[in-house]
Amino acid sequence: MSRWWRASSVRLRLTLWYAGVLAAILLLFATGLYLFLRQNLYSELDRQLHDDFEAAEEILERGPQGQVQSRGHARHERDARVLEVWSLQGHALYREGTAELGRPVLGAKGGVVARTVREASGAYWRVRSAAYPIAQLPALIRVGRSEARLRHQLDQLLVGIALGLPLAVALACLGGYLLAGRALAPVGQMAARARTISAERLGERLPIENPGDELGQLGSVFNQTLARLERSFEALRRFTADAAHELRTPLTALKAVGELGLRDATDESACREVIGSMLEEADRLARLTDTLLMLTRGEARKAKLEPKPVELAGLCQQIVALLGVLAEEKGQSVTVEGSALEAWAEPQILRQALINILDNAIKHSPAASHIRVVVSSRQAEAVVEVFDQGPGVPVEHQERIFERFYRVDKARARNTGGAGLGLAIARWAVEAHGGRIEVENRDAGGCCFRICLPPASQKSTVQT
């Protein structure tokens, strides 16, 4: 049963749930109605018996021979009513009516007893019994009314419930099935559209009739997922094209240099020069491959990091000393500002990120400019800021410059020998330590690259 239930359609399950709940509600309502009507009918019958008993008290008397008799016959519908007088020893003293109710229950001791009695013919009577003296004669008076009319009304109600309840449930099933189909129609439309969406058609979106309801919200989430997939596929295509382009350049150079070497194979010095050029291109190709591998492993969280306290100002001083030659070639000055501050990070990975940021600042800053590296603590974070005097980064490019192979100015990047991976590596290195990297343009010119890291005292959980 459970397997069939799980395999059923949502429409069928909703219909069955709706019909089941409605059937339970109707059954409870019908039961309550039946009990309420039954109680009212019996209460009305008991009230009538009370009136009959008072009337019997007024008309019953003792005759000249001591027998019990009635002063008149004010009773009607004799077949539907009965009046009996019994002695306390169980002897019948007076009877009016045709019903045979049998011997009464003795020992009432003056108390009133109301009960249902079934006579020999199978008919049911409602009987009220109470001890009452008739002219000093202790006696038990019984009055009764037939329950035939009452039971007929209750039987009619039961028949109506028995016929109406299944019909109501059947109509509820039909209506629920139609309503469920109408309510779930957008799901079918979305499913039909989703079947047509492929990697080549990720720009399509699911139709949404009402964005405010649950199905509309589900469709909106799917559309957002499709948008993310479209961006991911586009980034993958762009990465594939850029990687092929970057790899083609050194391979083309290797091929050209090799062909040139084959033509001049008799000249030993020319061969050495050719081999040297081929080694340079091979080295460039190896560096590009290693960088891509490091990024791929990092984004797949396969890089094993061993974070520890890193003194940022000292690390920045080492990087400035390492890249000082590049700055001196352009007549630039680089200074490190800030007091001793420790961050919780992997030294080599963080070192590579800072090298890429500072190298980017040196390349894009004009000659004789000044580059500042500022280390500070801000809002429970260790912050390293690199201020340059370059052209800045247009706002529309600030979110994408950290993507692999992305360049704001492709021609300038090619001339400087960049592959567009330095900032991507920097972002991965910072985010792997639970930090973030930001860029913003300065009013005075140039831009600021900001690296925010957890302090050493926090020992933030690092991605592995």
Foldseek 3Di string as FASTA:
>chain_A
DVVVQVVDDPLLNQLVVQLVVVLVVLVVVLVVVLVVLLVVVVVVQVVVQVVVVVVCLVFWAADPVRAIDGNDPPDPPLQFKKKWKAALVFHTRDIGHDFPQDTDDHDCVFPKDWDWTAGPVRWIKIKIWGWDAHVNGTIIMIMIGTCPVVVVVSVVSVVCCVVVSVVVSVVSSVVSSVVSCVVCVLVVQQVVVVVPDDLVRLVDARDADDCPDPVNVVSVVVNVVSVVVNVVSVLVVVVVVLVCVQLVVLVVLLVVLVVVCVVVVVDPVSVVVSVVSNVVSVVVNVVVVVLVVVLVCLVVLNDDADWAKDWPQVLVVVLCVVCVVLLVVLQEEEEEDDDTFIFTARSVLQSLLSNLVVVVQSLQAHGNWYKYWYWDDDPQWTKIKIWHQGQFDDPVCFVPLLRFQDDPDVVSCVVVPHRSHNSVSNQSRLVQQVWGWGKDADPVHTIMIMTIGHGNVVNDDGRD
